[in-house]
Amino acid sequence: MLRWNGKTEQLTGGRRDTVRIEKDGTIIYGTGFSASGVSKKFGFAGTVSGEIEAKDKEPQVEQEEEPNE
């Protein structure tokens, strides 16, 4: 369960609760989640794991060499 503290602008999860964050092909799971609405940063106090999907910005095209005459 996540808890929001409006006075400190802190979002926190339980020490043993697993939080999942997903953005742009990246998925992170962790325990002991905390985030700051002021600094826009987050962290985990416990175990963290995840997946990153890497995508090339521009596809690479192989060029064929022209035969020398």
Protein backbone atom coordinates (compact mmCIF):
# COMPACT_ATOMS: atom_id res chain seq x y z
CA MET A 1 0.00 0.00 0.00
CA LEU A 2 1.27 3.48 -0.85
CA ARG A 3 0.79 6.43 1.49
CA TRP A 4 0.83 10.12 0.52
CA ASN A 5 1.87 12.82 3.02
CA GLY A 6 0.59 16.13 1.67
CA LYS A 7 2.60 18.23 4.15
CA THR A 8 5.99 16.79 3.15
CA GLU A 9 4.92 15.75 -0.37
CA GLN A 10 6.29 12.25 0.22
CA LEU A 11 4.91 9.04 -1.27
CA THR A 12 5.99 5.93 0.65
CA GLY A 13 5.37 2.21 0.55
CA GLY A 14 5.69 -0.35 3.30
CA ARG A 15 9.10 -1.79 4.05
CA ARG A 16 8.05 -5.19 2.70
CA ASP A 17 5.50 -4.04 0.11
CA THR A 18 6.56 -4.46 -3.53
CA VAL A 19 6.08 -1.46 -5.81
CA ARG A 20 6.20 -1.68 -9.60
CA ILE A 21 7.21 1.31 -11.74
CA GLU A 22 6.86 1.12 -15.52
CA LYS A 23 7.92 3.75 -18.05
CA ASP A 24 9.11 3.65 -21.68
CA GLY A 25 9.90 -0.06 -21.75
CA THR A 26 11.61 -0.08 -18.35
CA ILE A 27 10.03 -1.98 -15.45
CA ILE A 28 11.39 -1.76 -11.89
CA TYR A 29 10.18 -3.78 -8.89
CA GLY A 30 11.34 -2.99 -5.38
CA THR A 31 10.54 -2.85 -1.69
CA GLY A 32 10.83 0.05 0.72
CA PHE A 33 9.72 2.60 -1.88
CA SER A 34 9.85 6.34 -1.23
CA ALA A 35 9.41 9.30 -3.55
CA SER A 36 9.59 13.06 -3.18
CA GLY A 37 7.11 15.33 -4.91
CA VAL A 38 9.49 18.24 -4.34
CA SER A 39 12.69 16.81 -5.82
CA LYS A 40 10.91 14.43 -8.25
CA LYS A 41 13.27 11.61 -7.16
CA PHE A 42 12.46 8.14 -5.90
CA GLY A 43 14.32 5.24 -4.33
CA PHE A 44 14.02 1.83 -2.77
CA ALA A 45 15.39 0.84 0.65
CA GLY A 46 15.09 -2.89 -0.08
CA THR A 47 15.63 -5.33 -2.90
CA VAL A 48 15.26 -4.03 -6.47
CA SER A 49 14.96 -5.89 -9.77
CA GLY A 50 13.67 -5.09 -13.21
CA GLU A 51 13.81 -5.18 -16.97
CA ILE A 52 15.08 -2.66 -19.49
CA GLU A 53 14.00 -2.81 -23.12
CA ALA A 54 16.61 -1.06 -25.25
CA LYS A 55 15.50 0.37 -28.56
CA ASP A 56 17.72 1.90 -31.22
CA LYS A 57 16.74 5.47 -32.00
CA GLU A 58 17.44 5.00 -35.69
CA PRO A 59 17.45 1.63 -37.39
CA GLN A 60 20.82 0.78 -38.87
CA VAL A 61 20.71 0.05 -42.58
CA GLU A 62 23.51 -1.95 -44.14
CA GLN A 63 24.73 -0.52 -47.40
CA GLU A 64 25.86 -2.77 -50.20
CA GLU A 65 29.17 -1.90 -51.72
CA GLU A 66 29.18 -1.26 -55.45
CA PRO A 67 31.54 -3.55 -57.41
CA ASN A 68 34.70 -1.92 -58.69
CA GLU A 69 34.88 -1.83 -62.48
